[in-house]
C-alpha atoms as a PDB file:
ATOM      1  CA  MET A   1      -0.045  -0.056   0.126  1.00  0.00           C
ATOM      2  CA  ARG A   2       2.848   2.189   0.912  1.00  0.00           C
ATOM      3  CA  PHE A   3       4.784   1.649  -2.594  1.00  0.00           C
ATOM      4  CA  LYS A   4       1.637   2.298  -4.327  1.00  0.00           C
ATOM      5  CA  TYR A   5       0.848   5.257  -2.741  1.00  0.00           C
ATOM      6  CA  THR A   6       4.861   7.043  -3.564  1.00  0.00           C
ATOM      7  CA  ALA A   7       4.122   6.295  -6.631  1.00  0.00           C
ATOM      8  CA  ARG A   8       1.076   7.740  -7.146  1.00  0.00           C
ATOM      9  CA  SER A   9       2.348  10.734  -5.404  1.00  0.00           C
ATOM     10  CA  ALA A  10       5.449  10.710  -7.550  1.00  0.00           C
ATOM     11  CA  ALA A  11       3.720  10.949 -11.119  1.00  0.00           C
ATOM     12  CA  VAL A  12       1.456  13.524  -9.903  1.00  0.00           C
ATOM     13  CA  LEU A  13       4.562  15.600  -8.615  1.00  0.00           C
ATOM     14  CA  VAL A  14       5.879  14.684 -12.432  1.00  0.00           C
ATOM     15  CA  VAL A  15       2.683  15.761 -14.119  1.00  0.00           C
ATOM     16  CA  LEU A  16       2.342  19.176 -11.736  1.00  0.00           C
ATOM     17  CA  ALA A  17       5.559  20.212 -12.748  1.00  0.00           C
ATOM     18  CA  THR A  18       5.609  19.196 -16.733  1.00  0.00           C
ATOM     19  CA  THR A  19       2.226  21.308 -16.480  1.00  0.00           C
ATOM     20  CA  ALA A  20       3.784  24.421 -14.656  1.00  0.00           C
ATOM     21  CA  MET A  21       6.994  24.413 -16.728  1.00  0.00           C
ATOM     22  CA  PRO A  22       5.630  26.309 -19.840  1.00  0.00           C
ATOM     23  CA  VAL A  23       3.704  28.778 -17.919  1.00  0.00           C
ATOM     24  CA  ALA A  24       7.074  29.587 -15.821  1.00  0.00           C
ATOM     25  CA  ALA A  25       9.027  29.896 -19.174  1.00  0.00           C
ATOM     26  CA  GLN A  26       6.606  32.903 -20.585  1.00  0.00           C
ATOM     27  CA  THR A  27       8.292  35.195 -18.049  1.00  0.00           C
ATOM     28  CA  ASN A  28      12.016  36.094 -17.934  1.00  0.00           C
ATOM     29  CA  PHE A  29      13.553  36.733 -14.068  1.00  0.00           C
ATOM     30  CA  PHE A  30      12.169  40.238 -14.040  1.00  0.00           C
ATOM     31  CA  GLY A  31       8.663  38.917 -14.450  1.00  0.00           C
ATOM     32  CA  ILE A  32       8.540  40.038 -18.338  1.00  0.00           C
ATOM     33  CA  ASP A  33       6.314  38.339 -20.991  1.00  0.00           C
ATOM     34  CA  ARG A  34       8.247  36.384 -23.231  1.00  0.00           C
ATOM     35  CA  ALA A  35       7.849  37.200 -26.931  1.00  0.00           C
ATOM     36  CA  ALA A  36       7.018  34.884 -29.681  1.00  0.00           C
ATOM     37  CA  HIS A  37      10.880  34.300 -31.049  1.00  0.00           C
ATOM     38  CA  ASP A  38      11.766  31.708 -33.883  1.00  0.00           C
ATOM     39  CA  SER A  39      14.143  33.895 -36.278  1.00  0.00           C
ATOM     40  CA  GLY A  40      17.688  33.054 -34.974  1.00  0.00           C
ATOM     41  CA  VAL A  41      20.192  33.776 -32.523  1.00  0.00           C
ATOM     42  CA  PRO A  42      20.687  37.985 -32.873  1.00  0.00           C
ATOM     43  CA  ALA A  43      24.003  38.265 -31.613  1.00  0.00           C
ATOM     44  CA  ASP A  44      26.064  41.098 -31.958  1.00  0.00           C
ATOM     45  CA  ARG A  45      29.159  38.851 -32.672  1.00  0.00           C
ATOM     46  CA  PRO A  46      31.776  38.298 -34.567  1.00  0.00           C
ATOM     47  CA  GLY A  47      32.237  41.331 -36.343  1.00  0.00           C
ATOM     48  CA  PHE A  48      33.511  44.614 -35.177  1.00  0.00           C
ATOM     49  CA  GLY A  49      30.107  46.053 -36.148  1.00  0.00           C
ATOM     50  CA  ASP A  50      26.823  45.657 -34.018  1.00  0.00           C
ATOM     51  CA  ASN A  51      23.912  43.623 -35.304  1.00  0.00           C
ATOM     52  CA  ILE A  52      20.360  45.644 -35.834  1.00  0.00           C
ATOM     53  CA  GLY A  53      18.582  43.180 -34.122  1.00  0.00           C
ATOM     54  CA  LEU A  54      17.663  43.034 -30.671  1.00  0.00           C
ATOM     55  CA  VAL A  55      17.455  40.446 -28.166  1.00  0.00           C
ATOM     56  CA  PRO A  56      13.736  39.392 -28.236  1.00  0.00           C
ATOM     57  CA  LYS A  57      11.449  40.868 -25.296  1.00  0.00           C
ATOM     58  CA  GLY A  58      11.729  38.414 -22.178  1.00  0.00           C
ATOM     59  CA  TYR A  59      14.727  36.739 -23.315  1.00  0.00           C
ATOM     60  CA  TYR A  60      18.682  37.192 -22.653  1.00  0.00           C
ATOM     61  CA  LEU A  61      21.268  36.358 -24.436  1.00  0.00           C
ATOM     62  CA  ALA A  62      24.766  35.692 -23.222  1.00  0.00           C
ATOM     63  CA  GLU A  63      27.875  35.994 -26.015  1.00  0.00           C
ATOM     64  CA  GLY A  64      31.873  36.056 -25.410  1.00  0.00           C
ATOM     65  CA  GLY A  65      34.555  34.177 -26.990  1.00  0.00           C
ATOM     66  CA  VAL A  66      38.679  34.403 -27.470  1.00  0.00           C
ATOM     67  CA  ARG A  67      40.599  36.575 -29.628  1.00  0.00           C
ATOM     68  CA  PHE A  68      44.246  36.365 -30.528  1.00  0.00           C
ATOM     69  CA  ASP A  69      46.426  39.217 -31.877  1.00  0.00           C
ATOM     70  CA  ASP A  70      49.720  39.506 -33.879  1.00  0.00           C
ATOM     71  CA  ASN A  71      50.794  42.843 -33.455  1.00  0.00           C
ATOM     72  CA  GLN A  72      52.173  44.628 -36.142  1.00  0.00           C
ATOM     73  CA  GLY A  73      55.502  45.975 -33.790  1.00  0.00           C
ATOM     74  CA  GLY A  74      56.088  42.513 -32.282  1.00  0.00           C
ATOM     75  CA  GLY A  75      54.718  40.361 -29.617  1.00  0.00           C
ATOM     76  CA  SER A  76      51.265  39.031 -29.589  1.00  0.00           C
ATOM     77  CA  SER A  77      47.759  39.653 -27.049  1.00  0.00           C
ATOM     78  CA  THR A  78      45.317  37.195 -26.219  1.00  0.00           C
ATOM     79  CA  THR A  79      41.576  38.463 -24.820  1.00  0.00           C
ATOM     80  CA  ILE A  80      39.770  35.840 -23.066  1.00  0.00           C
ATOM     81  CA  PRO A  81      36.516  36.093 -22.945  1.00  0.00           C
ATOM     82  CA  SER A  82      36.739  39.111 -25.777  1.00  0.00           C
ATOM     83  CA  SER A  83      33.544  40.956 -26.577  1.00  0.00           C
ATOM     84  CA  PHE A  84      31.431  39.300 -23.278  1.00  0.00           C
ATOM     85  CA  LEU A  85      27.984  40.346 -23.219  1.00  0.00           C
ATOM     86  CA  LEU A  86      24.761  39.513 -21.186  1.00  0.00           C
ATOM     87  CA  ARG A  87      22.119  41.446 -23.124  1.00  0.00           C
ATOM     88  CA  THR A  88      18.005  41.155 -21.996  1.00  0.00           C
ATOM     89  CA  GLY A  89      15.139  42.334 -24.045  1.00  0.00           C
ATOM     90  CA  ILE A  90      12.737  44.612 -21.612  1.00  0.00           C
ATOM     91  CA  ASP A  91      10.412  45.633 -24.622  1.00  0.00           C
ATOM     92  CA  GLU A  92       9.807  44.580 -28.467  1.00  0.00           C
ATOM     93  CA  ASN A  93      12.203  47.770 -29.039  1.00  0.00           C
ATOM     94  CA  ILE A  94      14.812  48.127 -26.134  1.00  0.00           C
ATOM     95  CA  GLU A  95      17.463  45.564 -24.631  1.00  0.00           C
ATOM     96  CA  LEU A  96      19.644  46.456 -21.781  1.00  0.00           C
ATOM     97  CA  ARG A  97      23.236  45.245 -21.522  1.00  0.00           C
ATOM     98  CA  VAL A  98      26.169  44.828 -19.426  1.00  0.00           C
ATOM     99  CA  GLY A  99      29.835  43.765 -20.713  1.00  0.00           C
ATOM    100  CA  PHE A 100      33.357  43.050 -19.652  1.00  0.00           C
ATOM    101  CA  ASN A 101      36.105  43.657 -22.193  1.00  0.00           C
ATOM    102  CA  GLY A 102      38.088  40.635 -21.462  1.00  0.00           C
ATOM    103  CA  TYR A 103      41.168  39.627 -19.864  1.00  0.00           C
ATOM    104  CA  VAL A 104      44.205  40.711 -21.406  1.00  0.00           C
ATOM    105  CA  LEU A 105      47.378  38.650 -21.856  1.00  0.00           C
ATOM    106  CA  ASN A 106      50.193  40.505 -23.561  1.00  0.00           C
ATOM    107  CA  SER A 107      53.506  39.010 -24.732  1.00  0.00           C
ATOM    108  CA  PRO A 108      55.494  40.657 -24.284  1.00  0.00           C
ATOM    109  CA  GLY A 109      53.740  43.442 -22.037  1.00  0.00           C
ATOM    110  CA  GLU A 110      51.728  43.513 -18.795  1.00  0.00           C
ATOM    111  CA  ASP A 111      48.635  41.487 -18.809  1.00  0.00           C
ATOM    112  CA  GLY A 112      45.680  43.454 -17.147  1.00  0.00           C
ATOM    113  CA  ALA A 113      41.368  43.153 -17.079  1.00  0.00           C
ATOM    114  CA  GLY A 114      39.983  45.292 -19.311  1.00  0.00           C
ATOM    115  CA  ASP A 115      36.701  48.289 -18.600  1.00  0.00           C
ATOM    116  CA  ALA A 116      33.032  46.921 -18.134  1.00  0.00           C
ATOM    117  CA  THR A 117      30.819  48.536 -20.052  1.00  0.00           C
ATOM    118  CA  VAL A 118      26.866  49.006 -19.981  1.00  0.00           C
ATOM    119  CA  GLY A 119      24.193  50.080 -22.272  1.00  0.00           C
ATOM    120  CA  ALA A 120      20.817  49.526 -24.097  1.00  0.00           C
ATOM    121  CA  LYS A 121      20.208  49.187 -27.675  1.00  0.00           C
ATOM    122  CA  ILE A 122      16.888  50.815 -29.345  1.00  0.00           C
ATOM    123  CA  ARG A 123      14.831  49.728 -32.089  1.00  0.00           C
ATOM    124  CA  VAL A 124      13.893  53.520 -33.861  1.00  0.00           C
ATOM    125  CA  HIS A 125      12.884  52.782 -37.507  1.00  0.00           C
ATOM    126  CA  ASP A 126      11.842  49.009 -39.041  1.00  0.00           C
ATOM    127  CA  GLU A 127      13.271  48.293 -42.537  1.00  0.00           C
ATOM    128  CA  THR A 128      11.246  49.411 -45.244  1.00  0.00           C
ATOM    129  CA  THR A 129      11.105  48.445 -49.406  1.00  0.00           C
ATOM    130  CA  TYR A 130      13.297  51.718 -49.702  1.00  0.00           C
ATOM    131  CA  THR A 131      14.848  52.072 -46.110  1.00  0.00           C
ATOM    132  CA  PRO A 132      17.079  50.350 -44.256  1.00  0.00           C
ATOM    133  CA  ALA A 133      16.126  49.269 -40.250  1.00  0.00           C
ATOM    134  CA  VAL A 134      17.799  51.725 -38.053  1.00  0.00           C
ATOM    135  CA  SER A 135      18.932  51.004 -34.209  1.00  0.00           C
ATOM    136  CA  LEU A 136      20.629  53.416 -31.399  1.00  0.00           C
ATOM    137  CA  LEU A 137      23.088  51.933 -28.911  1.00  0.00           C
ATOM    138  CA  PRO A 138      24.293  54.107 -26.004  1.00  0.00           C
ATOM    139  CA  THR A 139      27.004  53.069 -24.249  1.00  0.00           C
ATOM    140  CA  VAL A 140      29.510  54.253 -21.370  1.00  0.00           C
ATOM    141  CA  SER A 141      32.751  51.983 -20.783  1.00  0.00           C
ATOM    142  CA  LEU A 142      33.457  52.206 -17.198  1.00  0.00           C
ATOM    143  CA  PRO A 143      36.948  52.268 -15.987  1.00  0.00           C
ATOM    144  CA  VAL A 144      37.239  49.007 -13.386  1.00  0.00           C
ATOM    145  CA  GLY A 145      39.877  47.080 -15.156  1.00  0.00           C
ATOM    146  CA  SER A 146      43.798  46.950 -14.466  1.00  0.00           C
ATOM    147  CA  ASP A 147      46.039  49.831 -15.139  1.00  0.00           C
ATOM    148  CA  ALA A 148      47.773  48.373 -17.852  1.00  0.00           C
ATOM    149  CA  VAL A 149      44.804  47.941 -20.086  1.00  0.00           C
ATOM    150  CA  SER A 150      42.021  50.176 -17.899  1.00  0.00           C
ATOM    151  CA  ALA A 151      40.884  54.292 -19.386  1.00  0.00           C
ATOM    152  CA  THR A 152      41.217  56.412 -16.455  1.00  0.00           C
ATOM    153  CA  LYS A 153      38.015  58.054 -16.677  1.00  0.00           C
ATOM    154  CA  ALA A 154      34.778  56.357 -18.492  1.00  0.00           C
ATOM    155  CA  GLU A 155      34.114  56.764 -22.137  1.00  0.00           C
ATOM    156  CA  PRO A 156      31.000  57.368 -23.375  1.00  0.00           C
ATOM    157  CA  GLU A 157      29.995  56.114 -26.766  1.00  0.00           C
ATOM    158  CA  LEU A 158      26.816  56.353 -29.298  1.00  0.00           C
ATOM    159  CA  HIS A 159      25.906  54.174 -32.262  1.00  0.00           C
ATOM    160  CA  PHE A 160      24.107  54.278 -34.924  1.00  0.00           C
ATOM    161  CA  ILE A 161      23.306  50.703 -36.510  1.00  0.00           C
ATOM    162  CA  TRP A 162      21.733  49.936 -39.844  1.00  0.00           C
ATOM    163  CA  GLY A 163      20.935  46.839 -42.035  1.00  0.00           C
ATOM    164  CA  LYS A 164      19.137  45.990 -45.193  1.00  0.00           C
ATOM    165  CA  THR A 165      18.068  43.191 -46.543  1.00  0.00           C
ATOM    166  CA  LEU A 166      18.573  43.088 -50.543  1.00  0.00           C
ATOM    167  CA  THR A 167      17.411  39.366 -50.996  1.00  0.00           C
ATOM    168  CA  SER A 168      16.635  35.997 -49.219  1.00  0.00           C
ATOM    169  CA  ASP A 169      20.016  35.399 -48.331  1.00  0.00           C
ATOM    170  CA  PHE A 170      22.255  38.620 -48.884  1.00  0.00           C
ATOM    171  CA  SER A 171      22.061  41.708 -46.431  1.00  0.00           C
ATOM    172  CA  LEU A 172      23.971  44.794 -45.598  1.00  0.00           C
ATOM    173  CA  GLY A 173      24.684  46.702 -42.762  1.00  0.00           C
ATOM    174  CA  GLY A 174      27.230  48.904 -40.617  1.00  0.00           C
ATOM    175  CA  ASN A 175      27.933  51.598 -38.255  1.00  0.00           C
ATOM    176  CA  VAL A 176      28.492  54.635 -37.032  1.00  0.00           C
ATOM    177  CA  ASN A 177      29.961  54.944 -34.153  1.00  0.00           C
ATOM    178  CA  LEU A 178      30.766  58.093 -31.887  1.00  0.00           C
ATOM    179  CA  ALA A 179      33.124  57.962 -28.821  1.00  0.00           C
ATOM    180  CA  GLU A 180      34.652  60.204 -26.192  1.00  0.00           C
ATOM    181  CA  ARG A 181      38.122  58.508 -25.585  1.00  0.00           C
ATOM    182  CA  VAL A 182      40.535  59.558 -22.968  1.00  0.00           C
ATOM    183  CA  ASP A 183      44.003  60.341 -23.782  1.00  0.00           C
ATOM    184  CA  ALA A 184      47.034  60.522 -22.422  1.00  0.00           C
ATOM    185  CA  ALA A 185      46.682  64.161 -20.534  1.00  0.00           C
ATOM    186  CA  GLU A 186      43.532  62.693 -19.158  1.00  0.00           C
ATOM    187  CA  ASN A 187      41.361  64.851 -21.837  1.00  0.00           C
ATOM    188  CA  TYR A 188      38.528  63.588 -23.992  1.00  0.00           C
ATOM    189  CA  THR A 189      38.602  63.751 -27.793  1.00  0.00           C
ATOM    190  CA  LEU A 190      36.316  62.419 -30.475  1.00  0.00           C
ATOM    191  CA  GLU A 191      36.688  59.080 -32.123  1.00  0.00           C
ATOM    192  CA  THR A 192      34.702  58.119 -35.320  1.00  0.00           C
ATOM    193  CA  ALA A 193      34.799  54.456 -36.184  1.00  0.00           C
ATOM    194  CA  VAL A 194      32.490  53.181 -39.442  1.00  0.00           C
ATOM    195  CA  SER A 195      31.489  50.031 -40.371  1.00  0.00           C
ATOM    196  CA  LEU A 196      30.021  48.333 -43.518  1.00  0.00           C
ATOM    197  CA  ALA A 197      29.370  44.642 -43.372  1.00  0.00           C
ATOM    198  CA  ALA A 198      28.013  41.983 -46.317  1.00  0.00           C
ATOM    199  CA  ASN A 199      26.303  38.827 -44.395  1.00  0.00           C
ATOM    200  CA  TYR A 200      25.172  36.127 -46.842  1.00  0.00           C
ATOM    201  CA  GLY A 201      23.062  32.731 -45.938  1.00  0.00           C
ATOM    202  CA  PHE A 202      24.641  29.626 -47.332  1.00  0.00           C
ATOM    203  CA  THR A 203      22.112  27.434 -45.494  1.00  0.00           C
ATOM    204  CA  ASP A 204      19.440  28.066 -42.872  1.00  0.00           C
ATOM    205  CA  ARG A 205      22.312  27.203 -40.276  1.00  0.00           C
ATOM    206  CA  LEU A 206      25.137  28.534 -41.845  1.00  0.00           C
ATOM    207  CA  SER A 207      26.112  32.426 -42.799  1.00  0.00           C
ATOM    208  CA  GLY A 208      29.609  34.344 -43.422  1.00  0.00           C
ATOM    209  CA  TYR A 209      30.156  37.972 -43.530  1.00  0.00           C
ATOM    210  CA  ALA A 210      33.136  40.252 -45.045  1.00  0.00           C
ATOM    211  CA  GLU A 211      33.598  43.323 -43.317  1.00  0.00           C
ATOM    212  CA  TYR A 212      35.342  46.774 -43.500  1.00  0.00           C
ATOM    213  CA  TYR A 213      36.303  49.105 -40.483  1.00  0.00           C
ATOM    214  CA  THR A 214      37.887  52.183 -39.603  1.00  0.00           C
ATOM    215  CA  ILE A 215      38.622  54.017 -36.706  1.00  0.00           C
ATOM    216  CA  LEU A 216      39.629  57.787 -36.814  1.00  0.00           C
ATOM    217  CA  PRO A 217      40.742  59.706 -33.712  1.00  0.00           C
ATOM    218  CA  GLU A 218      40.326  63.522 -33.931  1.00  0.00           C
ATOM    219  CA  ASN A 219      43.654  64.732 -33.172  1.00  0.00           C
ATOM    220  CA  ASP A 220      46.890  63.459 -34.123  1.00  0.00           C
ATOM    221  CA  GLY A 221      46.583  59.736 -33.690  1.00  0.00           C
ATOM    222  CA  ARG A 222      46.705  58.020 -36.580  1.00  0.00           C
ATOM    223  CA  ASP A 223      43.809  56.321 -38.790  1.00  0.00           C
ATOM    224  CA  THR A 224      43.365  52.629 -38.542  1.00  0.00           C
ATOM    225  CA  HIS A 225      41.779  50.237 -41.089  1.00  0.00           C
ATOM    226  CA  ALA A 226      40.938  46.433 -41.214  1.00  0.00           C
ATOM    227  CA  ILE A 227      39.029  44.053 -42.883  1.00  0.00           C
ATOM    228  CA  ASN A 228      37.961  40.657 -41.323  1.00  0.00           C
ATOM    229  CA  GLY A 229      35.549  37.797 -42.342  1.00  0.00           C
ATOM    230  CA  GLY A 230      34.044  34.529 -40.888  1.00  0.00           C
ATOM    231  CA  VAL A 231      31.138  32.314 -40.427  1.00  0.00           C
ATOM    232  CA  ALA A 232      28.361  31.951 -37.836  1.00  0.00           C
ATOM    233  CA  PHE A 233      26.844  27.976 -37.468  1.00  0.00           C
ATOM    234  CA  VAL A 234      23.396  27.516 -35.344  1.00  0.00           C
ATOM    235  CA  PRO A 235      23.543  23.916 -34.628  1.00  0.00           C
ATOM    236  CA  GLY A 236      20.220  24.621 -32.322  1.00  0.00           C
ATOM    237  CA  HIS A 237      17.613  27.180 -32.112  1.00  0.00           C
ATOM    238  CA  LEU A 238      18.699  29.110 -29.285  1.00  0.00           C
ATOM    239  CA  ILE A 239      22.839  28.763 -29.590  1.00  0.00           C
ATOM    240  CA  GLN A 240      25.506  30.087 -32.233  1.00  0.00           C
ATOM    241  CA  LEU A 241      28.632  29.202 -32.514  1.00  0.00           C
ATOM    242  CA  ASP A 242      31.503  31.607 -34.921  1.00  0.00           C
ATOM    243  CA  ALA A 243      34.505  32.043 -36.337  1.00  0.00           C
ATOM    244  CA  TYR A 244      36.369  34.685 -37.272  1.00  0.00           C
ATOM    245  CA  VAL A 245      40.063  36.220 -38.972  1.00  0.00           C
ATOM    246  CA  GLY A 246      41.157  39.254 -40.421  1.00  0.00           C
ATOM    247  CA  THR A 247      44.254  41.641 -40.850  1.00  0.00           C
ATOM    248  CA  GLY A 248      45.352  45.013 -40.751  1.00  0.00           C
ATOM    249  CA  LEU A 249      45.177  47.519 -43.777  1.00  0.00           C
ATOM    250  CA  ASN A 250      47.920  49.739 -42.329  1.00  0.00           C
ATOM    251  CA  ASP A 251      50.684  49.583 -39.655  1.00  0.00           C
ATOM    252  CA  THR A 252      47.842  51.043 -37.169  1.00  0.00           C
ATOM    253  CA  THR A 253      46.482  47.742 -36.096  1.00  0.00           C
ATOM    254  CA  SER A 254      47.120  43.817 -35.669  1.00  0.00           C
ATOM    255  CA  ASN A 255      49.002  42.666 -38.560  1.00  0.00           C
ATOM    256  CA  ILE A 256      46.494  39.244 -38.333  1.00  0.00           C
ATOM    257  CA  PHE A 257      43.755  38.616 -35.633  1.00  0.00           C
ATOM    258  CA  PHE A 258      41.231  35.815 -35.031  1.00  0.00           C
ATOM    259  CA  GLY A 259      39.002  33.911 -33.165  1.00  0.00           C
ATOM    260  CA  GLY A 260      35.581  32.436 -32.353  1.00  0.00           C
ATOM    261  CA  GLY A 261      33.229  32.028 -29.857  1.00  0.00           C
ATOM    262  CA  ILE A 262      29.692  31.386 -28.750  1.00  0.00           C
ATOM    263  CA  ALA A 263      26.121  33.144 -28.166  1.00  0.00           C
ATOM    264  CA  LYS A 264      23.330  31.993 -26.596  1.00  0.00           C
ATOM    265  CA  LEU A 265      19.557  33.173 -26.150  1.00  0.00           C
ATOM    266  CA  PHE A 266      17.634  31.607 -23.068  1.00  0.00           C
END
């Protein structure tokens, strides 16, 4: 009799848990209802520019990877994790995000932890037949890292992000970024960055991109020009794997850089 009662109780508990799971899964940690989502993983990696897409309402997206740089002047650096972000959609048109620039291993040179970032991505215009989609990304870098790699003050930025679908498989996108950088005298100077990327979907799960970007300091610093490209693979509905490689087009950036990473939507 005791065995029958226990088995029946366990069965009831399983049924109750199974019934309750879909209800709990409809909201995130903050109690925000999840939106319907079946269009892949809107990761901002692996390229220089940001993705036009936002994290769906009620979801989280964690992304990051590893990057290796062979420096023009000799030596190398490895960043782990590189471009780490935790993002969450709080509305159909707004996501919040926090990030960490990673721990940098310099050879030769001093190692150190990078700064943290906080920001929000905001959808301001949906794509039409003749106009691209547009999002804004205000963000600020917080000087919490090691002296060897950290800025001495907070550095605010504003990213203008656009994207345009040209065919079912091919699209273009890019950024125009404005940032206040702290120079050696601890004064703010304007830095402008521009990127242009072409994206192609080989299959429903595999896509590739090629990108050019430039970084333009306001004062006496030299411009940076680089290209990179890579692939992204979606082995499941909520996960993306990627790999990329790039090179500097002048001697102000890495001779070659490459890496890979992962993005997980949950």
